[in-house]
Amino acid sequence: MVDKPAGGDLQPRERQWLDAAVAAHRAGRLDEARGLYERILARVPAQVDCLHLLGVLAGQEGDPSRGLELLHQARLRAPDRMDILANLAEALRVAGRRAEALAVLDAAPGAPLTLAARCRILNDLGRHDDLVVAACEWERHEPGTPQAPQLAGEALYRLGRIDQATAAFARAVALAPTDGALVYNHAVGLHQLGRLPDAVAGYRRAAMLDPRHAGVCHGLGLALASLGDGDGAIVAYCEAIRLDPADVPSYVGLGLALQKAKRFAEAQEAFERALAVAPDDPLVLSNLIHLKQYACDWSGLPDLERRLLGTFEQADRGISPFTLLSLPSTRAQQLAAARRASDAVAARVSPVPRRPRAPLAGRRLRLGYLSADFHMHATACLMAELFEAHDADRFEIFAYSYGPDDGSPMRRRLVQAFEHFVDLAALDHRAAALRIEADRIDVLIDLKGHTTDSRPSILAARPAPLQLTWLGYPGTSGASFIDFVIADGFVLPPAHEPDYSERVLRLPGCYQPNDGTRAAAPDTPTRAACGLPAQGFVFCCFNNSFKFRLELFEVWLALLAEVPGSVLWLLDGNPTATANLQVFARRRGIEADRIIFAPRLPLPEHLARHRLADLFLDTAPYNAHTTASDALWMGLPVLTIAGESFAGRVAGSLLTALGLLELIANSLEDYRERALRLARNPDALNRLRAQLCDARDRSGVFDGRAFADRLEQSLSTLIASGDAPQY
């Protein structure tokens, strides 16, 4: 800073020189200013203002040593001058001597003139808590300075106090509404809070103020994608890439938006362009792998998988936890990826104030379910009867929905099933958490985990004393804010517990609920109507195509070759996968008409067509989950492989609970042999069908009310045991 000098110890002519020097200094005429300062010091060697301002000028001219020497001399002669202290501290900061700079300012704690310097030093030192205090003090003394709330906002953001950071950025923007960087920071905060429409408006405004800022376009793309505006997101990502051709996150966002639009070739090109920029980026590799899996494009896939898993230990950006489930990954790797993802969320979120809950004695336990899938979705199809069957005398049940209302009969059924159906879709993460806390929820169960559209920030805010993860994501959350995972003895045996961040709430029987009221269409379609041949064994798999792996599909083709007249019946999930599978089969000598693709149908009709299949062939390492339940519910035997992680053990859990252990293979070769034996032995297959139908009716696996009893008893026992967080 170059303030007006005191000049009290100068003669009139020398005072004129000093005024002229300061004017030249402010105008940037440094040579002229230096000459005048030195002329004065030649006459008055101890003149404080000249020592001070010449020290500032020396620093500006790249001579920090001389600048510090002069500033120290000025301080010795005027130790109470706040402007000298502030400039000396700034010079020490620029020289990297931050501790000394802070010690200088400690001589004048809270002095308005030194607060800005203190804030800059604390920011350099990463002392974010202290910076918040200092910046707020600066803002109080100089309420018209946008830099004060800006620095407070940046520190609060790094501390994970996003709501307070966003409020600070809003104050800064109000003072400097045309500062594109401030408007961008405010938009990022709004985005982190889940206030997506406001974030979009902020990003658009920032883009107008700073059209060259690629980060603004990237943020806009992310927000638009979250709002379901895929076309808008694609435009925004393309603009970010135009501004910065090395912007890897925007290539990834573009690829995901194109994939969602089923523009698979363009999506793959976007991921590959990102990979050209960052060959070992785990996020790029994860998304490219998942796209190729979804499209059943196995060319080069093993190499990509090896590269991804090879970068695992040194990856500073997380590998997608979901992608790992369908790779030959270890449980330890799955935990590490989940923990990285959850830690990143927790770092951005501060807990909401949580008031004590009343003792449970004499009142109902308040149980909340959190999900985006309370509509026509696989999760809802499994859980609808459970929601209806909860004991209303002992449990008060809440749905916290942040997904779409699709107007379906399932949505209407779910709204009726819950005592309280709360739509959080319009609330940001903190407001949603505050709403859950205000309802005094005792137990909050998240049904999404690390899947699309999840909102882990709500859980990271800790609105409930006991938080669990269940069903939607088949693995560990890796989250410090999740206490228990709901499982059973097969999907999560005790030996696997070290690879879970949560403690395990192990249910008796199968962990997966099922709706025993779901109805199949009464009439079975003809084989001809489904494109199946009149005769021949029907192998079936209605799993999503990303679960198909090359080595598994080759076993399926081998079965077709060994069982004359047999066909493989798959779901027509996307045209790219369908075409790739047909081409691959032909190259292996299997005629295209032996692989039949079933179009998507409403659930009753889809269930009914299961009656035409002979054996459901499961996938590995990511099993059938809801699709296994559908098949077993319709009396169709499911042959699975017991995997090494949760995602690969779900079908085995169902079969174990049904007492059908002979349908659980231990290896891919064992799986092939069992499938071949059953295809060649109609009597053995019919016996299994009879066992399945009997077990389906007796076991309780498909009895939502019995499942509700088991879950409620397990939760009550857990809380009574004292192992759960205390109220």
Foldseek 3Di string as FASTA:
>chain_A
DLDQDPCPVDDPVLSVLQVVLSVCVVVVVLVSNLVSLVVSCVVVVLRLNSLQVNLLSCVVVPNLVSSLVSLVSSCVVPVPDLLSLQSNLQSCVVVVNLVVSVVSCVVPPLDLSNLVSVLVSCVVVLVLVVNLVSLVSNCVVPVLDLVSLQSNLVSCQQQLVLVSSLVSLVSSCVNVVLPLVSLLSNLVSCVLQVQLVVSLVSLVSSCVSPVLDLVSLQSNLVSCVLVVNLVSSLVSLVSSCVSPVQPLSSLQSNLVSCVVVVVLVVSLVSLVSNCVNPVLQQQSLLSNLLSCLLLVPCVCNVVSLCSNVVCQPVHPDAHQLQSVLLPPDALLSSLVRLLRVQVVLLSNHAADDADDDDDLVPHAAEEEEEDQPQEPDLQLQQALLLLQQADPRRYQYEYEHQHDHPVDPSNVSNCVSHPYYHHCNNGTLVVSLVVLSVVVHAEYEYEAQSDPPDDCNNLSNPSYQAYEYEDNDQGANSHPSHAEYEFACFLANPVNVVSHPHHYLHFPAGSTGGALPDAADPDADQCVVQLHDNDAAEEEEADRSSLDDPVLVVLVLVLPVVGDPYAYEYACRDPSNLVVSLVVSVVVVHHSSRYGYGYDDPPNHVLSNLVVHQEYEFGPPATDASRLVSNLSSLHHYAFEQHNHSRNRRSVSNCVLLVNNLSYAHDSVRSSVSVNVCSVDVVVSVVSSVSSVVSVVPRCNNPSNVVSVRVVVSVVCCVVVVVGRDD
